[in-house]
Amino acid sequence: MDNFDIKILQALQEDGRLTNNDLAEKVGLSPSQCSRRRTALEGRGVIASYHAQLSPEAIGLDVLVFVHVTLATHSPDNADRFLQLVQGIDEVQEAYSLTGESDYLVKLSVPTLKVLSRILADVFLPHPAVAHLRSSIVLDRLKQTSRLSLKHVRENSNLSASLNGK
């Protein structure tokens, strides 16, 4: 990956709706070169998808909560049951398997505390895979981004170029 690829990725993270001509102008390539590079990045899976990022507050999802989940038993079957549970709940945005005190961290966006209470009490707690929940309601978002840092890619690219005598 060279500096042009990195510039393409940075520009698309800022605005995934850029036309090929606008993207080419931003990164300093011809439209055909830019298109080939973009297609190659998509083909290699570096660009995973394009989507619209919605504002949760604008659509009435005013409560963001993180739920730490401890499983009832630690077995592959129980982990699969928990995976099926979180995949079936639309309000779950993200779920992670963890080391430490909790087995999973689940991020939910809900419209009200009442809805959150219903999901925790009627969906999570009665599920046989779940032993314990601890929830934390977000009071204020200090930072939110879906952009990934590309510093290490540029540094590795520069290192490779200097090693190859470029």
N, C-alpha and C. Protein backbone atom coordinates (compact mmCIF):
# COMPACT_ATOMS: atom_id res chain seq x y z
N MET A 1 0.86 -1.17 0.00
CA MET A 1 0.00 0.00 0.00
C MET A 1 0.91 1.23 0.00
N ASP A 2 0.70 2.12 -0.94
CA ASP A 2 1.54 3.31 -1.02
C ASP A 2 0.76 4.55 -0.57
N ASN A 3 1.40 5.71 -0.70
CA ASN A 3 0.78 6.95 -0.21
C ASN A 3 -0.52 7.30 -0.95
N PHE A 4 -0.62 6.95 -2.23
CA PHE A 4 -1.86 7.22 -2.95
C PHE A 4 -3.01 6.38 -2.39
N ASP A 5 -2.73 5.11 -2.11
CA ASP A 5 -3.76 4.25 -1.50
C ASP A 5 -4.19 4.82 -0.15
N ILE A 6 -3.23 5.27 0.64
CA ILE A 6 -3.53 5.83 1.95
C ILE A 6 -4.37 7.09 1.80
N LYS A 7 -4.03 7.94 0.83
CA LYS A 7 -4.83 9.15 0.60
C LYS A 7 -6.25 8.80 0.17
N ILE A 8 -6.40 7.78 -0.65
CA ILE A 8 -7.73 7.34 -1.08
C ILE A 8 -8.53 6.88 0.14
N LEU A 9 -7.91 6.09 1.00
CA LEU A 9 -8.61 5.59 2.19
C LEU A 9 -9.00 6.72 3.12
N GLN A 10 -8.09 7.68 3.32
CA GLN A 10 -8.41 8.82 4.20
C GLN A 10 -9.58 9.62 3.63
N ALA A 11 -9.54 9.89 2.33
CA ALA A 11 -10.61 10.68 1.70
C ALA A 11 -11.95 9.96 1.79
N LEU A 12 -11.96 8.65 1.56
CA LEU A 12 -13.21 7.90 1.61
C LEU A 12 -13.74 7.75 3.03
N GLN A 13 -12.85 7.72 4.01
CA GLN A 13 -13.33 7.70 5.40
C GLN A 13 -14.00 9.02 5.76
N GLU A 14 -13.53 10.11 5.18
CA GLU A 14 -14.14 11.41 5.44
C GLU A 14 -15.46 11.56 4.70
N ASP A 15 -15.52 11.02 3.47
CA ASP A 15 -16.73 11.14 2.65
C ASP A 15 -16.79 9.98 1.68
N GLY A 16 -17.54 8.95 2.05
CA GLY A 16 -17.67 7.76 1.21
C GLY A 16 -18.49 7.99 -0.05
N ARG A 17 -19.09 9.17 -0.18
CA ARG A 17 -19.91 9.47 -1.35
C ARG A 17 -19.13 10.21 -2.44
N LEU A 18 -17.84 10.37 -2.27
CA LEU A 18 -17.05 11.08 -3.28
C LEU A 18 -17.17 10.38 -4.62
N THR A 19 -17.40 11.17 -5.67
CA THR A 19 -17.37 10.59 -7.01
C THR A 19 -15.93 10.23 -7.33
N ASN A 20 -15.75 9.40 -8.32
CA ASN A 20 -14.39 9.02 -8.71
C ASN A 20 -13.58 10.23 -9.14
N ASN A 21 -14.20 11.17 -9.86
CA ASN A 21 -13.49 12.38 -10.29
C ASN A 21 -13.08 13.23 -9.10
N ASP A 22 -13.98 13.42 -8.14
CA ASP A 22 -13.65 14.20 -6.95
C ASP A 22 -12.55 13.52 -6.13
N LEU A 23 -12.63 12.21 -6.00
CA LEU A 23 -11.62 11.46 -5.26
C LEU A 23 -10.26 11.58 -5.95
N ALA A 24 -10.25 11.44 -7.26
CA ALA A 24 -9.00 11.55 -8.02
C ALA A 24 -8.37 12.93 -7.83
N GLU A 25 -9.20 13.95 -7.84
CA GLU A 25 -8.69 15.31 -7.65
C GLU A 25 -8.10 15.49 -6.26
N LYS A 26 -8.77 14.93 -5.25
CA LYS A 26 -8.29 15.05 -3.87
C LYS A 26 -6.93 14.38 -3.66
N VAL A 27 -6.73 13.24 -4.31
CA VAL A 27 -5.51 12.47 -4.05
C VAL A 27 -4.42 12.70 -5.08
N GLY A 28 -4.73 13.43 -6.15
CA GLY A 28 -3.71 13.77 -7.13
C GLY A 28 -3.43 12.68 -8.15
N LEU A 29 -4.47 11.98 -8.56
CA LEU A 29 -4.35 10.95 -9.59
C LEU A 29 -5.33 11.22 -10.71
N SER A 30 -5.14 10.55 -11.84
CA SER A 30 -6.14 10.63 -12.89
C SER A 30 -7.34 9.81 -12.46
N PRO A 31 -8.53 10.12 -12.98
CA PRO A 31 -9.71 9.33 -12.60
C PRO A 31 -9.56 7.83 -12.88
N SER A 32 -8.93 7.47 -13.99
CA SER A 32 -8.80 6.04 -14.31
C SER A 32 -7.84 5.34 -13.32
N GLN A 33 -6.73 6.00 -12.98
CA GLN A 33 -5.82 5.43 -12.00
C GLN A 33 -6.50 5.29 -10.64
N CYS A 34 -7.23 6.31 -10.26
CA CYS A 34 -7.93 6.31 -8.98
C CYS A 34 -8.98 5.19 -8.94
N SER A 35 -9.70 5.04 -10.02
CA SER A 35 -10.72 3.99 -10.10
C SER A 35 -10.10 2.60 -9.96
N ARG A 36 -8.99 2.37 -10.64
CA ARG A 36 -8.31 1.07 -10.54
C ARG A 36 -7.84 0.79 -9.12
N ARG A 37 -7.27 1.81 -8.49
CA ARG A 37 -6.79 1.64 -7.12
C ARG A 37 -7.95 1.39 -6.15
N ARG A 38 -9.02 2.14 -6.32
CA ARG A 38 -10.20 1.98 -5.45
C ARG A 38 -10.76 0.57 -5.61
N THR A 39 -10.88 0.11 -6.84
CA THR A 39 -11.39 -1.24 -7.11
C THR A 39 -10.47 -2.29 -6.50
N ALA A 40 -9.16 -2.08 -6.59
CA ALA A 40 -8.21 -3.02 -6.00
C ALA A 40 -8.34 -3.05 -4.47
N LEU A 41 -8.50 -1.88 -3.85
CA LEU A 41 -8.68 -1.82 -2.40
C LEU A 41 -9.97 -2.52 -1.98
N GLU A 42 -11.02 -2.36 -2.76
CA GLU A 42 -12.28 -3.06 -2.48
C GLU A 42 -12.09 -4.56 -2.65
N GLY A 43 -11.41 -4.96 -3.72
CA GLY A 43 -11.19 -6.38 -4.00
C GLY A 43 -10.38 -7.08 -2.93
N ARG A 44 -9.42 -6.37 -2.34
CA ARG A 44 -8.58 -6.94 -1.29
C ARG A 44 -9.26 -6.89 0.07
N GLY A 45 -10.45 -6.29 0.13
CA GLY A 45 -11.19 -6.22 1.40
C GLY A 45 -10.73 -5.10 2.31
N VAL A 46 -9.84 -4.22 1.82
CA VAL A 46 -9.41 -3.08 2.64
C VAL A 46 -10.59 -2.13 2.83
N ILE A 47 -11.33 -1.87 1.75
CA ILE A 47 -12.59 -1.12 1.84
C ILE A 47 -13.68 -2.18 1.98
N ALA A 48 -14.24 -2.27 3.17
CA ALA A 48 -15.20 -3.34 3.47
C ALA A 48 -16.60 -3.03 2.98
N SER A 49 -17.02 -1.74 3.06
CA SER A 49 -18.38 -1.41 2.64
C SER A 49 -18.54 0.10 2.59
N TYR A 50 -19.65 0.53 2.03
CA TYR A 50 -20.07 1.92 2.03
C TYR A 50 -21.46 1.95 2.65
N HIS A 51 -21.71 2.93 3.50
CA HIS A 51 -23.03 3.01 4.13
C HIS A 51 -23.29 4.43 4.63
N ALA A 52 -24.55 4.68 4.94
CA ALA A 52 -24.93 5.96 5.54
C ALA A 52 -24.87 5.80 7.05
N GLN A 53 -24.22 6.72 7.73
CA GLN A 53 -24.18 6.70 9.19
C GLN A 53 -25.29 7.61 9.70
N LEU A 54 -26.23 7.01 10.41
CA LEU A 54 -27.38 7.75 10.91
C LEU A 54 -27.07 8.36 12.27
N SER A 55 -27.73 9.45 12.59
CA SER A 55 -27.62 10.06 13.90
C SER A 55 -28.63 9.39 14.82
N PRO A 56 -28.17 8.69 15.86
CA PRO A 56 -29.12 8.02 16.77
C PRO A 56 -30.15 8.98 17.36
N GLU A 57 -29.68 10.16 17.77
CA GLU A 57 -30.59 11.13 18.40
C GLU A 57 -31.64 11.62 17.41
N ALA A 58 -31.28 11.80 16.15
CA ALA A 58 -32.22 12.29 15.14
C ALA A 58 -33.34 11.30 14.87
N ILE A 59 -33.09 10.02 15.15
CA ILE A 59 -34.15 9.02 14.92
C ILE A 59 -34.72 8.50 16.24
N GLY A 60 -34.44 9.24 17.34
CA GLY A 60 -35.09 8.93 18.61
C GLY A 60 -34.40 7.87 19.46
N LEU A 61 -33.16 7.51 19.14
CA LEU A 61 -32.43 6.56 19.98
C LEU A 61 -31.53 7.36 20.92
N ASP A 62 -32.13 7.81 22.00
CA ASP A 62 -31.48 8.75 22.91
C ASP A 62 -30.65 8.09 24.01
N VAL A 63 -30.77 6.78 24.18
CA VAL A 63 -30.07 6.10 25.26
C VAL A 63 -29.06 5.13 24.67
N LEU A 64 -27.80 5.34 25.04
CA LEU A 64 -26.72 4.44 24.64
C LEU A 64 -26.25 3.73 25.89
N VAL A 65 -26.13 2.43 25.83
CA VAL A 65 -25.76 1.66 27.02
C VAL A 65 -24.77 0.57 26.64
N PHE A 66 -23.87 0.31 27.57
CA PHE A 66 -22.94 -0.81 27.44
C PHE A 66 -23.31 -1.81 28.53
N VAL A 67 -23.44 -3.07 28.13
CA VAL A 67 -23.83 -4.12 29.07
C VAL A 67 -22.71 -5.15 29.13
N HIS A 68 -22.19 -5.36 30.34
CA HIS A 68 -21.21 -6.41 30.57
C HIS A 68 -22.00 -7.68 30.90
N VAL A 69 -21.69 -8.75 30.20
CA VAL A 69 -22.42 -10.00 30.36
C VAL A 69 -21.47 -11.10 30.83
N THR A 70 -21.91 -11.83 31.86
CA THR A 70 -21.19 -13.01 32.30
C THR A 70 -22.05 -14.21 31.97
N LEU A 71 -21.45 -15.20 31.33
CA LEU A 71 -22.20 -16.39 30.94
C LEU A 71 -22.44 -17.32 32.12
N ALA A 72 -23.51 -18.10 32.01
CA ALA A 72 -23.85 -19.07 33.05
C ALA A 72 -22.82 -20.19 33.09
N THR A 73 -22.43 -20.68 31.94
CA THR A 73 -21.38 -21.71 31.83
C THR A 73 -20.49 -21.36 30.65
N HIS A 74 -19.28 -21.83 30.71
CA HIS A 74 -18.33 -21.56 29.63
C HIS A 74 -18.15 -22.81 28.78
N SER A 75 -18.94 -22.85 27.73
CA SER A 75 -18.87 -23.97 26.80
C SER A 75 -19.15 -23.44 25.40
N PRO A 76 -18.70 -24.15 24.38
CA PRO A 76 -18.99 -23.70 23.01
C PRO A 76 -20.49 -23.59 22.73
N ASP A 77 -21.29 -24.51 23.26
CA ASP A 77 -22.74 -24.45 23.04
C ASP A 77 -23.34 -23.20 23.67
N ASN A 78 -22.91 -22.87 24.88
CA ASN A 78 -23.45 -21.69 25.55
C ASN A 78 -23.03 -20.42 24.82
N ALA A 79 -21.78 -20.37 24.36
CA ALA A 79 -21.32 -19.23 23.58
C ALA A 79 -22.13 -19.08 22.30
N ASP A 80 -22.45 -20.19 21.66
CA ASP A 80 -23.29 -20.13 20.45
C ASP A 80 -24.69 -19.63 20.77
N ARG A 81 -25.25 -20.07 21.89
CA ARG A 81 -26.58 -19.61 22.28
C ARG A 81 -26.57 -18.09 22.53
N PHE A 82 -25.50 -17.61 23.17
CA PHE A 82 -25.40 -16.17 23.41
C PHE A 82 -25.24 -15.41 22.10
N LEU A 83 -24.44 -15.93 21.20
CA LEU A 83 -24.27 -15.31 19.88
C LEU A 83 -25.61 -15.20 19.16
N GLN A 84 -26.41 -16.25 19.18
CA GLN A 84 -27.73 -16.21 18.56
C GLN A 84 -28.62 -15.18 19.23
N LEU A 85 -28.50 -15.06 20.55
CA LEU A 85 -29.30 -14.07 21.28
C LEU A 85 -28.99 -12.67 20.79
N VAL A 86 -27.71 -12.27 20.81
CA VAL A 86 -27.37 -10.89 20.44
C VAL A 86 -27.64 -10.61 18.97
N GLN A 87 -27.49 -11.61 18.11
CA GLN A 87 -27.78 -11.41 16.70
C GLN A 87 -29.27 -11.19 16.45
N GLY A 88 -30.11 -11.64 17.36
CA GLY A 88 -31.55 -11.50 17.21
C GLY A 88 -32.14 -10.24 17.82
N ILE A 89 -31.31 -9.39 18.42
CA ILE A 89 -31.81 -8.17 19.07
C ILE A 89 -31.39 -6.98 18.22
N ASP A 90 -32.36 -6.33 17.60
CA ASP A 90 -32.06 -5.20 16.71
C ASP A 90 -31.35 -4.05 17.41
N GLU A 91 -31.64 -3.85 18.67
CA GLU A 91 -31.05 -2.73 19.41
C GLU A 91 -29.55 -2.93 19.70
N VAL A 92 -29.07 -4.15 19.56
CA VAL A 92 -27.64 -4.42 19.77
C VAL A 92 -26.88 -3.95 18.55
N GLN A 93 -25.97 -3.00 18.76
CA GLN A 93 -25.15 -2.48 17.68
C GLN A 93 -23.84 -3.23 17.55
N GLU A 94 -23.26 -3.58 18.67
CA GLU A 94 -21.97 -4.25 18.68
C GLU A 94 -21.93 -5.20 19.86
N ALA A 95 -21.15 -6.27 19.72
CA ALA A 95 -20.94 -7.20 20.82
C ALA A 95 -19.54 -7.78 20.69
N TYR A 96 -18.84 -7.83 21.82
CA TYR A 96 -17.45 -8.27 21.83
C TYR A 96 -17.23 -9.33 22.90
N SER A 97 -16.44 -10.33 22.58
CA SER A 97 -15.97 -11.30 23.54
C SER A 97 -14.74 -10.71 24.23
N LEU A 98 -14.67 -10.84 25.56
CA LEU A 98 -13.62 -10.16 26.32
C LEU A 98 -12.81 -11.11 27.18
N THR A 99 -11.66 -10.60 27.59
CA THR A 99 -10.94 -11.21 28.70
C THR A 99 -11.32 -10.41 29.94
N GLY A 100 -11.04 -10.94 31.12
CA GLY A 100 -11.31 -10.18 32.33
C GLY A 100 -12.56 -10.65 33.05
N GLU A 101 -13.16 -9.74 33.80
CA GLU A 101 -14.30 -10.09 34.65
C GLU A 101 -15.54 -10.48 33.86
N SER A 102 -15.82 -9.80 32.77
CA SER A 102 -17.01 -10.09 31.96
C SER A 102 -16.61 -10.94 30.77
N ASP A 103 -17.57 -11.71 30.29
CA ASP A 103 -17.33 -12.53 29.10
C ASP A 103 -17.59 -11.75 27.82
N TYR A 104 -18.58 -10.84 27.88
CA TYR A 104 -18.96 -10.07 26.69
C TYR A 104 -19.26 -8.63 27.06
N LEU A 105 -19.06 -7.75 26.10
CA LEU A 105 -19.49 -6.36 26.20
C LEU A 105 -20.43 -6.11 25.03
N VAL A 106 -21.64 -5.64 25.35
CA VAL A 106 -22.67 -5.44 24.34
C VAL A 106 -23.07 -3.96 24.34
N LYS A 107 -23.11 -3.37 23.15
CA LYS A 107 -23.51 -1.97 22.99
C LYS A 107 -24.92 -1.94 22.40
N LEU A 108 -25.81 -1.21 23.08
CA LEU A 108 -27.19 -1.08 22.62
C LEU A 108 -27.55 0.39 22.47
N SER A 109 -28.37 0.69 21.47
CA SER A 109 -29.00 2.01 21.32
C SER A 109 -30.49 1.81 21.42
N VAL A 110 -31.11 2.51 22.38
CA VAL A 110 -32.54 2.36 22.61
C VAL A 110 -33.18 3.74 22.77
N PRO A 111 -34.50 3.84 22.56
CA PRO A 111 -35.14 5.15 22.66
C PRO A 111 -35.33 5.64 24.09
N THR A 112 -35.59 4.71 25.02
CA THR A 112 -35.89 5.13 26.40
C THR A 112 -35.32 4.13 27.40
N LEU A 113 -35.26 4.56 28.65
CA LEU A 113 -34.82 3.66 29.71
C LEU A 113 -35.82 2.51 29.91
N LYS A 114 -37.09 2.80 29.65
CA LYS A 114 -38.12 1.75 29.76
C LYS A 114 -37.86 0.62 28.76
N VAL A 115 -37.50 0.98 27.56
CA VAL A 115 -37.18 -0.04 26.55
C VAL A 115 -35.93 -0.82 26.98
N LEU A 116 -34.94 -0.11 27.48
CA LEU A 116 -33.73 -0.77 27.97
C LEU A 116 -34.09 -1.76 29.08
N SER A 117 -34.88 -1.32 30.03
CA SER A 117 -35.29 -2.19 31.13
C SER A 117 -35.99 -3.44 30.62
N ARG A 118 -36.87 -3.28 29.64
CA ARG A 118 -37.58 -4.43 29.07
C ARG A 118 -36.60 -5.41 28.42
N ILE A 119 -35.65 -4.90 27.66
CA ILE A 119 -34.68 -5.78 26.98
C ILE A 119 -33.83 -6.53 28.01
N LEU A 120 -33.37 -5.82 29.02
CA LEU A 120 -32.53 -6.47 30.04
C LEU A 120 -33.33 -7.50 30.84
N ALA A 121 -34.52 -7.10 31.30
CA ALA A 121 -35.31 -7.97 32.18
C ALA A 121 -36.02 -9.10 31.44
N ASP A 122 -36.48 -8.83 30.21
CA ASP A 122 -37.30 -9.82 29.51
C ASP A 122 -36.56 -10.61 28.44
N VAL A 123 -35.38 -10.13 28.04
CA VAL A 123 -34.66 -10.82 26.96
C VAL A 123 -33.33 -11.39 27.47
N PHE A 124 -32.49 -10.54 28.05
CA PHE A 124 -31.17 -11.01 28.48
C PHE A 124 -31.23 -11.89 29.72
N LEU A 125 -31.81 -11.36 30.80
CA LEU A 125 -31.75 -12.10 32.07
C LEU A 125 -32.41 -13.48 32.04
N PRO A 126 -33.56 -13.66 31.39
CA PRO A 126 -34.14 -15.00 31.38
C PRO A 126 -33.44 -16.00 30.45
N HIS A 127 -32.54 -15.50 29.63
CA HIS A 127 -31.87 -16.40 28.67
C HIS A 127 -30.95 -17.36 29.41
N PRO A 128 -31.01 -18.66 29.07
CA PRO A 128 -30.22 -19.65 29.80
C PRO A 128 -28.70 -19.47 29.68
N ALA A 129 -28.23 -18.77 28.68
CA ALA A 129 -26.80 -18.57 28.52
C ALA A 129 -26.25 -17.52 29.48
N VAL A 130 -27.13 -16.66 30.00
CA VAL A 130 -26.70 -15.49 30.76
C VAL A 130 -26.82 -15.74 32.27
N ALA A 131 -25.73 -15.42 32.99
CA ALA A 131 -25.76 -15.53 34.45
C ALA A 131 -25.89 -14.17 35.11
N HIS A 132 -25.19 -13.16 34.56
CA HIS A 132 -25.12 -11.87 35.25
C HIS A 132 -24.96 -10.74 34.23
N LEU A 133 -25.60 -9.60 34.51
CA LEU A 133 -25.47 -8.40 33.68
C LEU A 133 -25.04 -7.23 34.55
N ARG A 134 -24.26 -6.35 33.95
CA ARG A 134 -23.94 -5.07 34.59
C ARG A 134 -23.99 -4.03 33.49
N SER A 135 -24.89 -3.07 33.61
CA SER A 135 -25.06 -2.08 32.55
C SER A 135 -24.52 -0.73 32.96
N SER A 136 -24.03 0.00 31.95
CA SER A 136 -23.55 1.37 32.15
C SER A 136 -24.20 2.24 31.08
N ILE A 137 -24.96 3.23 31.52
CA ILE A 137 -25.63 4.14 30.61
C ILE A 137 -24.70 5.30 30.31
N VAL A 138 -24.56 5.63 29.05
CA VAL A 138 -23.68 6.71 28.62
C VAL A 138 -24.34 8.05 28.93
N LEU A 139 -23.63 8.90 29.64
CA LEU A 139 -24.13 10.23 29.96
C LEU A 139 -23.80 11.22 28.85
N ASP A 140 -22.60 11.10 28.27
CA ASP A 140 -22.17 12.02 27.23
C ASP A 140 -21.11 11.34 26.38
N ARG A 141 -21.22 11.53 25.07
CA ARG A 141 -20.20 11.00 24.15
C ARG A 141 -19.08 12.01 24.04
N LEU A 142 -17.89 11.59 24.38
CA LEU A 142 -16.75 12.48 24.27
C LEU A 142 -16.12 12.41 22.88
N LYS A 143 -16.19 11.26 22.27
CA LYS A 143 -15.67 11.08 20.91
C LYS A 143 -16.39 9.90 20.28
N GLN A 144 -16.74 10.06 19.02
CA GLN A 144 -17.33 8.96 18.27
C GLN A 144 -16.83 9.07 16.84
N THR A 145 -16.23 8.01 16.36
CA THR A 145 -15.77 8.00 14.98
C THR A 145 -15.77 6.57 14.47
N SER A 146 -15.95 6.43 13.19
CA SER A 146 -15.79 5.12 12.57
C SER A 146 -14.50 5.10 11.74
N ARG A 147 -13.79 6.22 11.76
CA ARG A 147 -12.52 6.31 11.02
C ARG A 147 -11.43 5.53 11.73
N LEU A 148 -10.64 4.84 10.96
CA LEU A 148 -9.50 4.11 11.50
C LEU A 148 -8.22 4.90 11.25
N SER A 149 -7.32 4.85 12.20
CA SER A 149 -6.04 5.53 12.04
C SER A 149 -5.22 4.82 10.96
N LEU A 150 -4.62 5.59 10.09
CA LEU A 150 -3.78 5.02 9.03
C LEU A 150 -2.31 5.35 9.23
N LYS A 151 -1.95 5.87 10.42
CA LYS A 151 -0.57 6.26 10.69
C LYS A 151 0.40 5.08 10.51
N HIS A 152 0.04 3.94 11.06
CA HIS A 152 0.93 2.79 10.99
C HIS A 152 1.11 2.29 9.56
N VAL A 153 0.08 2.45 8.72
CA VAL A 153 0.17 2.04 7.31
C VAL A 153 1.17 2.93 6.60
N ARG A 154 1.07 4.23 6.84
CA ARG A 154 2.00 5.18 6.21
C ARG A 154 3.42 4.92 6.69
N GLU A 155 3.59 4.69 8.00
CA GLU A 155 4.92 4.43 8.54
C GLU A 155 5.52 3.16 7.95
N ASN A 156 4.71 2.09 7.84
CA ASN A 156 5.19 0.84 7.25
C ASN A 156 5.50 1.03 5.77
N SER A 157 4.69 1.85 5.08
CA SER A 157 4.91 2.13 3.67
C SER A 157 6.22 2.89 3.48
N ASN A 158 6.46 3.90 4.33
CA ASN A 158 7.71 4.67 4.25
C ASN A 158 8.92 3.81 4.58
N LEU A 159 8.78 2.92 5.56
CA LEU A 159 9.88 2.02 5.93
C LEU A 159 10.20 1.09 4.76
N SER A 160 9.18 0.51 4.15
CA SER A 160 9.39 -0.38 3.01
C SER A 160 10.06 0.35 1.86
N ALA A 161 9.62 1.58 1.60
CA ALA A 161 10.21 2.35 0.50
C ALA A 161 11.67 2.65 0.78
N SER A 162 12.03 3.00 2.03
CA SER A 162 13.42 3.31 2.33
C SER A 162 14.29 2.05 2.29
N LEU A 163 13.74 0.90 2.67
CA LEU A 163 14.49 -0.33 2.60
C LEU A 163 14.72 -0.78 1.16
N ASN A 164 13.78 -0.43 0.28
CA ASN A 164 13.90 -0.80 -1.14
C ASN A 164 14.64 0.27 -1.93
N GLY A 165 15.16 1.27 -1.26
CA GLY A 165 15.94 2.31 -1.93
C GLY A 165 15.14 3.33 -2.70
N LYS A 166 13.87 3.50 -2.35
CA LYS A 166 13.01 4.47 -3.05
C LYS A 166 13.04 5.80 -2.37
